[in-house]
């Protein structure tokens, strides 16, 4: 999987909160994939659009894309579980 494949997967799976290669400014609760200094980085932002947690670094675009999609899928599942538990309050 490469960057060019991400948009299709995101659309097909209705994944929200993706920021690919900083095409937009950072927003709250996003998963970000970017390339800096020859390394691929994947990380999350919090409710204030600040970096949260660990920045995962990869030499390979394919590995970074796999991690990015995995995190987007986990984010989607978390939001689904929150709705099940709390209803439509969020």
C-alpha atoms as a PDB file:
ATOM      1  CA  UNK A   1       0.000   0.000   0.000  1.00  0.00           C
ATOM      2  CA  UNK A   2       1.257   3.476  -0.901  1.00  0.00           C
ATOM      3  CA  UNK A   3       0.090   7.063  -0.407  1.00  0.00           C
ATOM      4  CA  UNK A   4      -1.742   6.910  -3.744  1.00  0.00           C
ATOM      5  CA  UNK A   5      -3.852   4.018  -2.406  1.00  0.00           C
ATOM      6  CA  UNK A   6      -4.943   5.708   0.809  1.00  0.00           C
ATOM      7  CA  UNK A   7      -7.750   7.900  -0.560  1.00  0.00           C
ATOM      8  CA  UNK A   8      -9.538   4.891  -2.055  1.00  0.00           C
ATOM      9  CA  UNK A   9      -9.341   2.896   1.191  1.00  0.00           C
ATOM     10  CA  UNK A  10     -10.434   5.886   3.276  1.00  0.00           C
ATOM     11  CA  UNK A  11     -13.448   6.451   1.036  1.00  0.00           C
ATOM     12  CA  UNK A  12     -14.427   2.762   0.781  1.00  0.00           C
ATOM     13  CA  UNK A  13     -14.256   2.242   4.557  1.00  0.00           C
ATOM     14  CA  UNK A  14     -15.672   5.666   5.435  1.00  0.00           C
ATOM     15  CA  UNK A  15     -12.674   6.500   7.623  1.00  0.00           C
ATOM     16  CA  UNK A  16     -12.632   9.993   9.127  1.00  0.00           C
ATOM     17  CA  UNK A  17      -9.868  12.157  10.552  1.00  0.00           C
ATOM     18  CA  UNK A  18      -7.136  11.496   7.999  1.00  0.00           C
ATOM     19  CA  UNK A  19      -4.429  14.039   7.245  1.00  0.00           C
ATOM     20  CA  UNK A  20      -2.238  12.864   4.380  1.00  0.00           C
ATOM     21  CA  UNK A  21       1.095  14.641   3.971  1.00  0.00           C
ATOM     22  CA  UNK A  22      -0.164  17.756   5.762  1.00  0.00           C
ATOM     23  CA  UNK A  23      -2.482  18.710   2.894  1.00  0.00           C
ATOM     24  CA  UNK A  24      -4.409  20.695   5.521  1.00  0.00           C
ATOM     25  CA  UNK A  25      -3.366  22.254   8.786  1.00  0.00           C
ATOM     26  CA  UNK A  26      -3.562  19.976  11.794  1.00  0.00           C
ATOM     27  CA  UNK A  27      -7.055  19.533  13.169  1.00  0.00           C
ATOM     28  CA  UNK A  28      -8.326  17.957  16.388  1.00  0.00           C
ATOM     29  CA  UNK A  29      -8.412  14.164  16.628  1.00  0.00           C
ATOM     30  CA  UNK A  30      -6.608  13.358  13.397  1.00  0.00           C
ATOM     31  CA  UNK A  31      -4.264  10.639  12.270  1.00  0.00           C
ATOM     32  CA  UNK A  32      -1.399  12.171  10.304  1.00  0.00           C
ATOM     33  CA  UNK A  33       1.043  10.663   7.835  1.00  0.00           C
ATOM     34  CA  UNK A  34       3.900  12.763   6.527  1.00  0.00           C
ATOM     35  CA  UNK A  35       7.411  12.485   5.162  1.00  0.00           C
ATOM     36  CA  UNK A  36      10.159  14.486   6.813  1.00  0.00           C
ATOM     37  CA  UNK A  37      13.895  14.235   6.246  1.00  0.00           C
ATOM     38  CA  UNK A  38      13.528  11.020   4.264  1.00  0.00           C
ATOM     39  CA  UNK A  39      11.512   9.277   6.998  1.00  0.00           C
ATOM     40  CA  UNK A  40       7.796   8.542   7.074  1.00  0.00           C
ATOM     41  CA  UNK A  41       6.012   9.576  10.269  1.00  0.00           C
ATOM     42  CA  UNK A  42       2.587   8.621  11.589  1.00  0.00           C
ATOM     43  CA  UNK A  43       1.016  10.234  14.641  1.00  0.00           C
ATOM     44  CA  UNK A  44      -2.242  11.383  16.216  1.00  0.00           C
ATOM     45  CA  UNK A  45      -3.494  14.779  17.324  1.00  0.00           C
ATOM     46  CA  UNK A  46      -5.590  15.445  20.409  1.00  0.00           C
ATOM     47  CA  UNK A  47      -8.711  17.561  20.882  1.00  0.00           C
ATOM     48  CA  UNK A  48      -6.546  20.696  20.639  1.00  0.00           C
ATOM     49  CA  UNK A  49      -4.809  19.561  17.438  1.00  0.00           C
ATOM     50  CA  UNK A  50      -1.547  18.968  19.314  1.00  0.00           C
ATOM     51  CA  UNK A  51       0.598  15.918  18.751  1.00  0.00           C
ATOM     52  CA  UNK A  52      -0.299  13.179  21.208  1.00  0.00           C
ATOM     53  CA  UNK A  53       1.391   9.888  21.974  1.00  0.00           C
ATOM     54  CA  UNK A  54       4.288   8.396  20.084  1.00  0.00           C
ATOM     55  CA  UNK A  55       5.428   9.403  16.613  1.00  0.00           C
ATOM     56  CA  UNK A  56       5.944   6.200  14.644  1.00  0.00           C
ATOM     57  CA  UNK A  57       8.853   6.499  12.182  1.00  0.00           C
ATOM     58  CA  UNK A  58       9.346   4.307   9.116  1.00  0.00           C
ATOM     59  CA  UNK A  59      11.915   4.020   6.345  1.00  0.00           C
ATOM     60  CA  UNK A  60       9.296   2.573   4.021  1.00  0.00           C
ATOM     61  CA  UNK A  61       6.250   4.364   2.621  1.00  0.00           C
ATOM     62  CA  UNK A  62       4.357   1.057   2.564  1.00  0.00           C
ATOM     63  CA  UNK A  63       4.965   0.392   6.273  1.00  0.00           C
ATOM     64  CA  UNK A  64       3.894   3.918   7.181  1.00  0.00           C
ATOM     65  CA  UNK A  65       0.711   3.610   5.106  1.00  0.00           C
ATOM     66  CA  UNK A  66      -0.158   0.303   6.795  1.00  0.00           C
ATOM     67  CA  UNK A  67       0.273   1.888  10.234  1.00  0.00           C
ATOM     68  CA  UNK A  68      -1.743   4.954   9.170  1.00  0.00           C
ATOM     69  CA  UNK A  69      -4.708   2.881   7.962  1.00  0.00           C
ATOM     70  CA  UNK A  70      -4.521   0.678  11.056  1.00  0.00           C
ATOM     71  CA  UNK A  71      -4.752   3.762  13.287  1.00  0.00           C
ATOM     72  CA  UNK A  72      -7.654   5.194  11.267  1.00  0.00           C
ATOM     73  CA  UNK A  73      -9.533   1.894  11.582  1.00  0.00           C
ATOM     74  CA  UNK A  74      -8.900   1.819  15.335  1.00  0.00           C
ATOM     75  CA  UNK A  75     -10.108   5.423  15.604  1.00  0.00           C
ATOM     76  CA  UNK A  76     -13.306   4.523  13.740  1.00  0.00           C
ATOM     77  CA  UNK A  77     -13.926   1.538  16.011  1.00  0.00           C
ATOM     78  CA  UNK A  78     -13.324   3.637  19.123  1.00  0.00           C
ATOM     79  CA  UNK A  79     -15.874   6.208  17.962  1.00  0.00           C
ATOM     80  CA  UNK A  80     -18.373   3.409  17.260  1.00  0.00           C
ATOM     81  CA  UNK A  81     -17.869   1.973  20.749  1.00  0.00           C
ATOM     82  CA  UNK A  82     -18.280   5.405  22.324  1.00  0.00           C
ATOM     83  CA  UNK A  83     -21.613   5.806  20.527  1.00  0.00           C
ATOM     84  CA  UNK A  84     -22.738   2.361  21.709  1.00  0.00           C
ATOM     85  CA  UNK A  85     -21.865   3.204  25.294  1.00  0.00           C
ATOM     86  CA  UNK A  86     -22.892   6.860  25.452  1.00  0.00           C
ATOM     87  CA  UNK A  87     -25.509   6.989  22.723  1.00  0.00           C
ATOM     88  CA  UNK A  88     -25.588  10.050  20.488  1.00  0.00           C
ATOM     89  CA  UNK A  89     -24.394  12.443  23.193  1.00  0.00           C
ATOM     90  CA  UNK A  90     -20.954  12.798  21.523  1.00  0.00           C
END
